[in-house]
N, C-alpha and C. Protein backbone atom coordinates (compact mmCIF):
# COMPACT_ATOMS: atom_id res chain seq x y z
N MET A 1 -80.27 -74.30 18.80
CA MET A 1 -79.25 -74.38 19.80
C MET A 1 -77.96 -74.97 19.22
N LEU A 2 -78.09 -75.81 18.18
CA LEU A 2 -76.91 -76.39 17.57
C LEU A 2 -76.05 -75.34 16.89
N LEU A 3 -76.67 -74.27 16.44
CA LEU A 3 -75.95 -73.25 15.71
C LEU A 3 -75.46 -72.14 16.63
N GLY A 4 -75.62 -72.30 17.92
CA GLY A 4 -75.19 -71.27 18.86
C GLY A 4 -76.21 -70.16 19.01
N GLN A 5 -77.42 -70.37 18.56
CA GLN A 5 -78.47 -69.36 18.66
C GLN A 5 -79.41 -69.71 19.80
N HIS A 6 -78.89 -69.62 21.02
CA HIS A 6 -79.65 -70.05 22.19
C HIS A 6 -80.88 -69.17 22.42
N ARG A 7 -80.72 -67.88 22.27
CA ARG A 7 -81.85 -66.97 22.50
C ARG A 7 -82.97 -67.24 21.50
N ARG A 8 -82.60 -67.44 20.26
CA ARG A 8 -83.60 -67.71 19.22
C ARG A 8 -84.30 -69.04 19.48
N GLY A 9 -83.54 -70.04 19.89
CA GLY A 9 -84.13 -71.34 20.20
C GLY A 9 -85.11 -71.27 21.36
N ARG A 10 -84.76 -70.50 22.38
CA ARG A 10 -85.68 -70.35 23.52
C ARG A 10 -86.95 -69.63 23.11
N ARG A 11 -86.82 -68.62 22.27
CA ARG A 11 -88.01 -67.89 21.81
C ARG A 11 -88.94 -68.79 21.00
N ILE A 12 -88.38 -69.60 20.15
CA ILE A 12 -89.20 -70.52 19.36
C ILE A 12 -89.88 -71.53 20.28
N MET A 13 -89.14 -72.06 21.26
CA MET A 13 -89.72 -73.03 22.19
C MET A 13 -90.85 -72.40 23.01
N ILE A 14 -90.62 -71.18 23.51
CA ILE A 14 -91.65 -70.51 24.31
C ILE A 14 -92.88 -70.23 23.45
N GLY A 15 -92.68 -69.79 22.22
CA GLY A 15 -93.81 -69.54 21.33
C GLY A 15 -94.60 -70.79 21.01
N MET A 16 -93.88 -71.87 20.73
CA MET A 16 -94.56 -73.12 20.40
C MET A 16 -95.32 -73.68 21.60
N LEU A 17 -94.66 -73.74 22.75
CA LEU A 17 -95.34 -74.25 23.94
C LEU A 17 -96.48 -73.34 24.37
N GLY A 18 -96.31 -72.03 24.18
CA GLY A 18 -97.39 -71.09 24.49
C GLY A 18 -98.61 -71.35 23.63
N LEU A 19 -98.41 -71.63 22.35
CA LEU A 19 -99.54 -71.95 21.47
C LEU A 19 -100.21 -73.26 21.86
N VAL A 20 -99.43 -74.26 22.23
CA VAL A 20 -100.01 -75.55 22.64
C VAL A 20 -100.83 -75.36 23.91
N ILE A 21 -100.26 -74.69 24.90
CA ILE A 21 -100.97 -74.49 26.18
C ILE A 21 -102.21 -73.65 25.96
N ALA A 22 -102.10 -72.57 25.16
CA ALA A 22 -103.27 -71.74 24.89
C ALA A 22 -104.35 -72.53 24.16
N GLY A 23 -103.94 -73.37 23.22
CA GLY A 23 -104.91 -74.18 22.49
C GLY A 23 -105.66 -75.15 23.39
N VAL A 24 -104.94 -75.75 24.34
CA VAL A 24 -105.59 -76.69 25.26
C VAL A 24 -106.47 -75.93 26.25
N LEU A 25 -106.03 -74.77 26.69
CA LEU A 25 -106.86 -73.98 27.61
C LEU A 25 -108.11 -73.45 26.91
N ILE A 26 -108.00 -73.07 25.66
CA ILE A 26 -109.16 -72.54 24.92
C ILE A 26 -110.09 -73.66 24.51
N GLY A 27 -109.55 -74.70 23.87
CA GLY A 27 -110.39 -75.74 23.28
C GLY A 27 -110.56 -76.99 24.12
N GLY A 28 -109.91 -77.06 25.26
CA GLY A 28 -109.99 -78.26 26.07
C GLY A 28 -109.01 -79.31 25.57
N VAL A 29 -108.91 -80.39 26.31
CA VAL A 29 -108.00 -81.48 25.93
C VAL A 29 -108.44 -82.09 24.61
N ASP A 30 -109.72 -81.94 24.29
CA ASP A 30 -110.26 -82.48 23.05
C ASP A 30 -109.74 -81.75 21.81
N ALA A 31 -109.01 -80.65 21.99
CA ALA A 31 -108.43 -79.95 20.84
C ALA A 31 -107.41 -80.82 20.12
N VAL A 32 -106.84 -81.78 20.83
CA VAL A 32 -105.90 -82.74 20.23
C VAL A 32 -106.61 -84.10 20.23
N ASP A 33 -107.09 -84.50 19.05
CA ASP A 33 -107.87 -85.74 18.96
C ASP A 33 -107.56 -86.40 17.62
N SER A 34 -106.80 -87.48 17.66
CA SER A 34 -106.41 -88.16 16.42
C SER A 34 -107.57 -88.95 15.81
N GLN A 35 -108.57 -89.30 16.59
CA GLN A 35 -109.68 -90.09 16.08
C GLN A 35 -110.70 -89.23 15.32
N ARG A 36 -111.07 -88.11 15.89
CA ARG A 36 -112.11 -87.27 15.29
C ARG A 36 -111.56 -86.18 14.37
N ASP A 37 -110.35 -85.73 14.62
CA ASP A 37 -109.76 -84.65 13.83
C ASP A 37 -108.47 -85.15 13.17
N GLY A 38 -108.59 -86.17 12.34
CA GLY A 38 -107.42 -86.82 11.76
C GLY A 38 -106.53 -85.89 10.96
N TRP A 39 -107.12 -85.08 10.08
CA TRP A 39 -106.32 -84.19 9.25
C TRP A 39 -105.69 -83.08 10.07
N TRP A 40 -106.36 -82.61 11.11
CA TRP A 40 -105.79 -81.57 11.97
C TRP A 40 -104.68 -82.15 12.85
N PHE A 41 -104.75 -83.42 13.12
CA PHE A 41 -103.75 -84.04 13.98
C PHE A 41 -102.38 -84.11 13.30
N LEU A 42 -102.35 -84.18 11.99
CA LEU A 42 -101.07 -84.26 11.27
C LEU A 42 -100.19 -83.02 11.51
N PRO A 43 -100.69 -81.78 11.30
CA PRO A 43 -99.82 -80.65 11.63
C PRO A 43 -99.57 -80.50 13.12
N GLN A 44 -100.50 -80.97 13.95
CA GLN A 44 -100.30 -80.90 15.39
C GLN A 44 -99.12 -81.78 15.82
N LEU A 45 -98.87 -82.86 15.11
CA LEU A 45 -97.75 -83.75 15.45
C LEU A 45 -96.40 -83.04 15.35
N GLY A 46 -96.35 -81.98 14.56
CA GLY A 46 -95.11 -81.22 14.45
C GLY A 46 -94.68 -80.59 15.77
N ALA A 47 -95.60 -80.43 16.70
CA ALA A 47 -95.28 -79.84 18.00
C ALA A 47 -94.54 -80.82 18.91
N GLY A 48 -94.49 -82.08 18.54
CA GLY A 48 -93.68 -83.04 19.29
C GLY A 48 -94.44 -83.95 20.22
N PRO A 49 -93.73 -84.56 21.16
CA PRO A 49 -94.31 -85.58 22.04
C PRO A 49 -95.41 -85.06 22.95
N ILE A 50 -95.46 -83.76 23.21
CA ILE A 50 -96.51 -83.23 24.07
C ILE A 50 -97.89 -83.46 23.44
N VAL A 51 -97.96 -83.40 22.12
CA VAL A 51 -99.22 -83.62 21.42
C VAL A 51 -99.62 -85.09 21.51
N ILE A 52 -98.66 -85.98 21.40
CA ILE A 52 -98.97 -87.41 21.51
C ILE A 52 -99.45 -87.72 22.92
N ALA A 53 -98.82 -87.13 23.93
CA ALA A 53 -99.26 -87.34 25.31
C ALA A 53 -100.67 -86.79 25.53
N LEU A 54 -100.98 -85.64 24.98
CA LEU A 54 -102.33 -85.08 25.11
C LEU A 54 -103.36 -85.96 24.41
N ASP A 55 -103.00 -86.51 23.25
CA ASP A 55 -103.92 -87.38 22.53
C ASP A 55 -104.16 -88.68 23.29
N VAL A 56 -103.11 -89.26 23.83
CA VAL A 56 -103.28 -90.48 24.62
C VAL A 56 -104.15 -90.21 25.84
N PHE A 57 -103.92 -89.08 26.51
CA PHE A 57 -104.75 -88.71 27.67
C PHE A 57 -106.20 -88.53 27.23
N ASN A 58 -106.41 -87.91 26.09
CA ASN A 58 -107.77 -87.69 25.59
C ASN A 58 -108.46 -89.03 25.28
N GLN A 59 -107.74 -89.91 24.61
CA GLN A 59 -108.35 -91.18 24.20
C GLN A 59 -108.54 -92.15 25.37
N GLN A 60 -107.58 -92.19 26.28
CA GLN A 60 -107.62 -93.18 27.36
C GLN A 60 -108.42 -92.72 28.58
N VAL A 61 -108.46 -91.42 28.84
CA VAL A 61 -109.13 -90.94 30.05
C VAL A 61 -110.43 -90.23 29.73
N ILE A 62 -110.38 -89.21 28.91
CA ILE A 62 -111.55 -88.38 28.65
C ILE A 62 -112.63 -89.16 27.91
N ARG A 63 -112.26 -89.91 26.89
CA ARG A 63 -113.26 -90.64 26.08
C ARG A 63 -113.89 -91.81 26.83
N THR A 64 -113.27 -92.26 27.91
CA THR A 64 -113.84 -93.38 28.67
C THR A 64 -114.82 -92.90 29.73
N LEU A 65 -114.89 -91.60 29.98
CA LEU A 65 -115.84 -91.07 30.96
C LEU A 65 -117.26 -91.14 30.42
N PRO A 66 -118.24 -91.14 31.30
CA PRO A 66 -119.63 -91.04 30.81
C PRO A 66 -119.82 -89.73 30.05
N GLU A 67 -120.77 -89.74 29.14
CA GLU A 67 -120.93 -88.59 28.24
C GLU A 67 -121.20 -87.29 28.98
N ALA A 68 -121.93 -87.35 30.07
CA ALA A 68 -122.24 -86.13 30.84
C ALA A 68 -120.96 -85.52 31.43
N GLN A 69 -120.03 -86.36 31.85
CA GLN A 69 -118.77 -85.85 32.40
C GLN A 69 -117.79 -85.41 31.32
N GLN A 70 -117.91 -85.98 30.14
CA GLN A 70 -117.03 -85.58 29.04
C GLN A 70 -117.24 -84.12 28.68
N TYR A 71 -118.48 -83.65 28.76
CA TYR A 71 -118.78 -82.28 28.36
C TYR A 71 -118.15 -81.25 29.30
N ARG A 72 -117.76 -81.67 30.47
CA ARG A 72 -117.09 -80.75 31.40
C ARG A 72 -115.63 -80.53 31.04
N SER A 73 -115.02 -81.44 30.29
CA SER A 73 -113.58 -81.35 30.03
C SER A 73 -113.23 -81.15 28.56
N ILE A 74 -114.22 -81.03 27.70
CA ILE A 74 -113.92 -80.80 26.29
C ILE A 74 -114.53 -79.48 25.85
N GLY A 75 -113.95 -78.91 24.82
CA GLY A 75 -114.49 -77.69 24.25
C GLY A 75 -115.55 -78.02 23.22
N LEU A 76 -116.56 -77.20 23.13
CA LEU A 76 -117.66 -77.46 22.21
C LEU A 76 -117.73 -76.37 21.15
N GLY A 77 -118.12 -76.74 19.95
CA GLY A 77 -118.36 -75.77 18.89
C GLY A 77 -117.10 -75.10 18.39
N HIS A 78 -117.22 -73.80 18.14
CA HIS A 78 -116.12 -73.03 17.57
C HIS A 78 -114.95 -72.87 18.54
N VAL A 79 -115.21 -72.93 19.81
CA VAL A 79 -114.13 -72.81 20.79
C VAL A 79 -113.16 -73.97 20.63
N ASN A 80 -113.67 -75.15 20.40
CA ASN A 80 -112.82 -76.31 20.19
C ASN A 80 -112.02 -76.16 18.90
N ALA A 81 -112.63 -75.60 17.87
CA ALA A 81 -111.94 -75.40 16.60
C ALA A 81 -110.79 -74.40 16.75
N ILE A 82 -110.98 -73.37 17.56
CA ILE A 82 -109.92 -72.39 17.78
C ILE A 82 -108.76 -73.06 18.53
N GLY A 83 -109.06 -73.87 19.53
CA GLY A 83 -108.01 -74.60 20.25
C GLY A 83 -107.25 -75.55 19.34
N THR A 84 -107.97 -76.23 18.47
CA THR A 84 -107.33 -77.14 17.50
C THR A 84 -106.41 -76.36 16.57
N LEU A 85 -106.85 -75.20 16.14
CA LEU A 85 -106.04 -74.36 15.26
C LEU A 85 -104.77 -73.89 15.96
N TYR A 86 -104.87 -73.49 17.21
CA TYR A 86 -103.68 -73.05 17.96
C TYR A 86 -102.63 -74.15 18.03
N VAL A 87 -103.06 -75.36 18.34
CA VAL A 87 -102.10 -76.47 18.46
C VAL A 87 -101.52 -76.82 17.09
N ALA A 88 -102.34 -76.74 16.04
CA ALA A 88 -101.83 -77.00 14.70
C ALA A 88 -100.82 -75.94 14.29
N LEU A 89 -101.06 -74.68 14.64
CA LEU A 89 -100.10 -73.62 14.34
C LEU A 89 -98.79 -73.83 15.09
N ALA A 90 -98.86 -74.34 16.31
CA ALA A 90 -97.64 -74.64 17.05
C ALA A 90 -96.83 -75.71 16.33
N GLY A 91 -97.49 -76.74 15.83
CA GLY A 91 -96.80 -77.78 15.09
C GLY A 91 -96.18 -77.27 13.81
N LEU A 92 -96.91 -76.43 13.07
CA LEU A 92 -96.37 -75.88 11.83
C LEU A 92 -95.21 -74.94 12.11
N MET A 93 -95.31 -74.17 13.18
CA MET A 93 -94.21 -73.27 13.53
C MET A 93 -92.94 -74.06 13.86
N ASN A 94 -93.10 -75.17 14.54
CA ASN A 94 -91.95 -76.01 14.87
C ASN A 94 -91.36 -76.64 13.61
N ILE A 95 -92.20 -77.04 12.67
CA ILE A 95 -91.71 -77.61 11.42
C ILE A 95 -90.92 -76.56 10.63
N VAL A 96 -91.40 -75.32 10.60
CA VAL A 96 -90.68 -74.24 9.91
C VAL A 96 -89.35 -73.99 10.59
N ALA A 97 -89.30 -74.02 11.91
CA ALA A 97 -88.04 -73.82 12.63
C ALA A 97 -87.06 -74.95 12.32
N ILE A 98 -87.55 -76.17 12.18
CA ILE A 98 -86.69 -77.30 11.84
C ILE A 98 -86.16 -77.15 10.41
N LEU A 99 -87.03 -76.74 9.49
CA LEU A 99 -86.60 -76.53 8.11
C LEU A 99 -85.57 -75.40 8.01
N ASP A 100 -85.68 -74.42 8.90
CA ASP A 100 -84.72 -73.31 8.90
C ASP A 100 -83.32 -73.79 9.28
N LEU A 101 -83.22 -74.89 9.96
CA LEU A 101 -81.90 -75.43 10.31
C LEU A 101 -81.11 -75.86 9.09
N PHE A 102 -81.79 -76.20 8.01
CA PHE A 102 -81.12 -76.69 6.81
C PHE A 102 -80.53 -75.57 5.96
N ARG A 103 -80.82 -74.31 6.30
CA ARG A 103 -80.21 -73.20 5.57
C ARG A 103 -78.73 -73.12 5.90
N ASP A 104 -77.96 -72.49 5.02
CA ASP A 104 -76.54 -72.31 5.24
C ASP A 104 -76.35 -71.07 6.12
N HIS A 105 -76.10 -71.27 7.40
CA HIS A 105 -75.96 -70.17 8.34
C HIS A 105 -74.52 -69.67 8.45
N ASN A 106 -73.57 -70.37 7.90
CA ASN A 106 -72.16 -69.97 8.02
C ASN A 106 -71.89 -68.64 7.33
N ASP A 107 -72.42 -68.45 6.12
CA ASP A 107 -72.17 -67.22 5.39
C ASP A 107 -72.84 -66.02 6.04
N GLU A 108 -74.04 -66.23 6.62
CA GLU A 108 -74.75 -65.13 7.26
C GLU A 108 -74.04 -64.65 8.51
N GLN A 109 -73.52 -65.57 9.30
CA GLN A 109 -72.91 -65.20 10.57
C GLN A 109 -71.54 -64.56 10.38
N SER A 110 -70.82 -64.92 9.35
CA SER A 110 -69.47 -64.39 9.17
C SER A 110 -69.46 -63.05 8.45
N GLY A 111 -70.57 -62.66 7.85
CA GLY A 111 -70.62 -61.42 7.12
C GLY A 111 -70.07 -61.53 5.71
N ARG A 112 -69.66 -62.72 5.32
CA ARG A 112 -69.14 -62.93 3.98
C ARG A 112 -70.30 -62.99 2.99
N PRO A 113 -70.06 -62.57 1.74
CA PRO A 113 -71.13 -62.71 0.75
C PRO A 113 -71.35 -64.19 0.44
N LYS A 114 -72.55 -64.49 0.07
CA LYS A 114 -72.88 -65.88 -0.25
C LYS A 114 -72.16 -66.32 -1.52
N HIS A 115 -72.19 -67.62 -1.78
CA HIS A 115 -71.46 -68.21 -2.90
C HIS A 115 -71.89 -67.58 -4.23
N ASP A 116 -73.19 -67.40 -4.43
CA ASP A 116 -73.67 -66.83 -5.69
C ASP A 116 -73.21 -65.39 -5.86
N GLU A 117 -73.19 -64.62 -4.78
CA GLU A 117 -72.75 -63.24 -4.86
C GLU A 117 -71.26 -63.17 -5.18
N ARG A 118 -70.47 -64.09 -4.64
CA ARG A 118 -69.04 -64.13 -4.94
C ARG A 118 -68.82 -64.46 -6.41
N ARG A 119 -69.63 -65.39 -6.94
CA ARG A 119 -69.50 -65.79 -8.33
C ARG A 119 -69.83 -64.62 -9.25
N LYS A 120 -70.88 -63.84 -8.92
CA LYS A 120 -71.24 -62.68 -9.73
C LYS A 120 -70.14 -61.63 -9.68
N ALA A 121 -69.57 -61.41 -8.51
CA ALA A 121 -68.50 -60.42 -8.38
C ALA A 121 -67.28 -60.84 -9.20
N THR A 122 -66.94 -62.11 -9.20
CA THR A 122 -65.79 -62.61 -9.97
C THR A 122 -66.07 -62.47 -11.46
N ALA A 123 -67.30 -62.78 -11.88
CA ALA A 123 -67.65 -62.68 -13.31
C ALA A 123 -67.62 -61.24 -13.77
N SER A 124 -68.08 -60.31 -12.95
CA SER A 124 -68.07 -58.90 -13.34
C SER A 124 -66.64 -58.35 -13.40
N GLU A 125 -65.75 -58.83 -12.53
CA GLU A 125 -64.35 -58.40 -12.56
C GLU A 125 -63.64 -58.91 -13.82
N GLU A 126 -63.96 -60.13 -14.23
CA GLU A 126 -63.35 -60.69 -15.43
C GLU A 126 -63.87 -60.01 -16.69
N ALA A 127 -65.13 -59.54 -16.68
CA ALA A 127 -65.73 -58.92 -17.85
C ALA A 127 -65.23 -57.49 -18.04
N SER A 128 -64.84 -56.82 -16.99
CA SER A 128 -64.41 -55.42 -17.12
C SER A 128 -62.97 -55.38 -17.68
N PRO A 129 -62.68 -54.42 -18.64
CA PRO A 129 -61.36 -54.37 -19.27
C PRO A 129 -60.30 -53.79 -18.38
């Protein structure tokens, strides 16, 4: 949105939130668990504060229930792993979108050749007799 690419920003947001919601619907709230899935939680953090809120809800509410009631609200087996993967992909997608902000977008939007292309063109003009 900072670069004036509102449509692109909305698409990235919808895609990321869609993956988080799908992951929680598929794998249950337990798909985001910093205690049991520590390494998976790191890429999930890239999705932002929604993941932290889901983890706090999981740790403070779901984990305090009796074990019989916990099984009603968490995903078991491979279904939980798929939900965890969806949320991790949402975090990684958001990290890639953030890294994309560091590219030089001025040359692309103006239609001007990039700095290296200009340098090559100048060098070839000087070399020709």
